Amino acid sequence: MYVCICNAIRECELRRAARATDGDADRVYETLGKRPQCRQCLDDAEDILNEERETSLVMALAAA
């Protein structure tokens, strides 16, 4: 699913970047070589980043 139509950023790309990059959606977009344009996607992107990071943390704690 596309999260950002302006930059053609898919949900899977955001999830992968969330595991590799700290920071908010603006920072993650930067690491992807993109810039938010219309900015309508940022709330959804933040939700996806937070969800992915939470899931990764829970999995890491469970493995410890």
C-alpha atoms as a PDB file:
ATOM      1  CA  MET A   1       0.000   0.000   0.000  1.00  0.00           C
ATOM      2  CA  TYR A   2       1.259   3.489  -0.789  1.00  0.00           C
ATOM      3  CA  VAL A   3       1.459   5.773   2.216  1.00  0.00           C
ATOM      4  CA  CYS A   4       2.915   8.735   0.363  1.00  0.00           C
ATOM      5  CA  ILE A   5       1.544   9.193  -3.131  1.00  0.00           C
ATOM      6  CA  CYS A   6       3.717  12.238  -3.885  1.00  0.00           C
ATOM      7  CA  ASN A   7       6.912  10.239  -3.338  1.00  0.00           C
ATOM      8  CA  ALA A   8       5.572   6.743  -4.085  1.00  0.00           C
ATOM      9  CA  ILE A   9       6.605   5.493  -0.625  1.00  0.00           C
ATOM     10  CA  ARG A  10       5.082   2.177   0.333  1.00  0.00           C
ATOM     11  CA  GLU A  11       4.181   1.018   3.807  1.00  0.00           C
ATOM     12  CA  CYS A  12       6.799  -1.752   3.649  1.00  0.00           C
ATOM     13  CA  GLU A  13       9.506   0.839   2.917  1.00  0.00           C
ATOM     14  CA  LEU A  14       8.457   2.893   5.933  1.00  0.00           C
ATOM     15  CA  ARG A  15       8.460  -0.176   8.171  1.00  0.00           C
ATOM     16  CA  ARG A  16      11.940  -1.168   7.006  1.00  0.00           C
ATOM     17  CA  ALA A  17      13.195   2.393   7.527  1.00  0.00           C
ATOM     18  CA  ALA A  18      11.603   2.543  10.992  1.00  0.00           C
ATOM     19  CA  ARG A  19      13.770  -0.385  12.075  1.00  0.00           C
ATOM     20  CA  ALA A  20      16.935   1.238  10.709  1.00  0.00           C
ATOM     21  CA  THR A  21      16.383   4.933  11.468  1.00  0.00           C
ATOM     22  CA  ASP A  22      15.515   6.956  14.535  1.00  0.00           C
ATOM     23  CA  GLY A  23      13.445  10.081  14.289  1.00  0.00           C
ATOM     24  CA  ASP A  24      10.148  11.265  12.985  1.00  0.00           C
ATOM     25  CA  ALA A  25       8.610  10.874   9.548  1.00  0.00           C
ATOM     26  CA  ASP A  26      10.543  13.847   8.167  1.00  0.00           C
ATOM     27  CA  ARG A  27      13.831  12.186   9.183  1.00  0.00           C
ATOM     28  CA  VAL A  28      12.798   8.822   7.762  1.00  0.00           C
ATOM     29  CA  TYR A  29      11.761  10.422   4.476  1.00  0.00           C
ATOM     30  CA  GLU A  30      15.191  12.078   4.356  1.00  0.00           C
ATOM     31  CA  THR A  31      16.935   8.721   4.770  1.00  0.00           C
ATOM     32  CA  LEU A  32      14.826   7.430   1.884  1.00  0.00           C
ATOM     33  CA  GLY A  33      16.068  10.339  -0.214  1.00  0.00           C
ATOM     34  CA  LYS A  34      12.631  11.977  -0.251  1.00  0.00           C
ATOM     35  CA  ARG A  35      10.971  15.098   1.141  1.00  0.00           C
ATOM     36  CA  PRO A  36       7.351  15.391   2.199  1.00  0.00           C
ATOM     37  CA  GLN A  37       5.603  17.501  -0.383  1.00  0.00           C
ATOM     38  CA  CYS A  38       1.909  17.965   0.382  1.00  0.00           C
ATOM     39  CA  ARG A  39       2.462  16.599   3.939  1.00  0.00           C
ATOM     40  CA  GLN A  40      -0.943  14.874   4.067  1.00  0.00           C
ATOM     41  CA  CYS A  41       0.723  11.503   4.644  1.00  0.00           C
ATOM     42  CA  LEU A  42       2.799  12.442   7.684  1.00  0.00           C
ATOM     43  CA  ASP A  43       0.246  11.484  10.348  1.00  0.00           C
ATOM     44  CA  ASP A  44      -0.227   8.049   8.788  1.00  0.00           C
ATOM     45  CA  ALA A  45       3.530   7.687   8.334  1.00  0.00           C
ATOM     46  CA  GLU A  46       4.132   8.534  12.013  1.00  0.00           C
ATOM     47  CA  ASP A  47       1.561   5.928  13.052  1.00  0.00           C
ATOM     48  CA  ILE A  48       3.276   3.275  10.936  1.00  0.00           C
ATOM     49  CA  LEU A  49       6.722   4.193  12.261  1.00  0.00           C
ATOM     50  CA  ASN A  50       5.547   4.068  15.872  1.00  0.00           C
ATOM     51  CA  GLU A  51       3.746   0.768  15.348  1.00  0.00           C
ATOM     52  CA  GLU A  52       6.768  -0.835  13.706  1.00  0.00           C
ATOM     53  CA  ARG A  53       9.166   0.394  16.370  1.00  0.00           C
ATOM     54  CA  GLU A  54       6.859  -0.811  19.141  1.00  0.00           C
ATOM     55  CA  THR A  55       6.582  -4.243  17.531  1.00  0.00           C
ATOM     56  CA  SER A  56      10.354  -4.455  17.097  1.00  0.00           C
ATOM     57  CA  LEU A  57      10.901  -3.513  20.746  1.00  0.00           C
ATOM     58  CA  VAL A  58       8.416  -6.101  22.010  1.00  0.00           C
ATOM     59  CA  MET A  59      10.034  -8.791  19.857  1.00  0.00           C
ATOM     60  CA  ALA A  60      13.519  -7.848  21.110  1.00  0.00           C
ATOM     61  CA  LEU A  61      12.380  -7.963  24.730  1.00  0.00           C
ATOM     62  CA  ALA A  62      10.691 -11.313  24.199  1.00  0.00           C
ATOM     63  CA  ALA A  63      13.874 -12.738  22.684  1.00  0.00           C
ATOM     64  CA  ALA A  64      15.998 -11.581  25.649  1.00  0.00           C
END
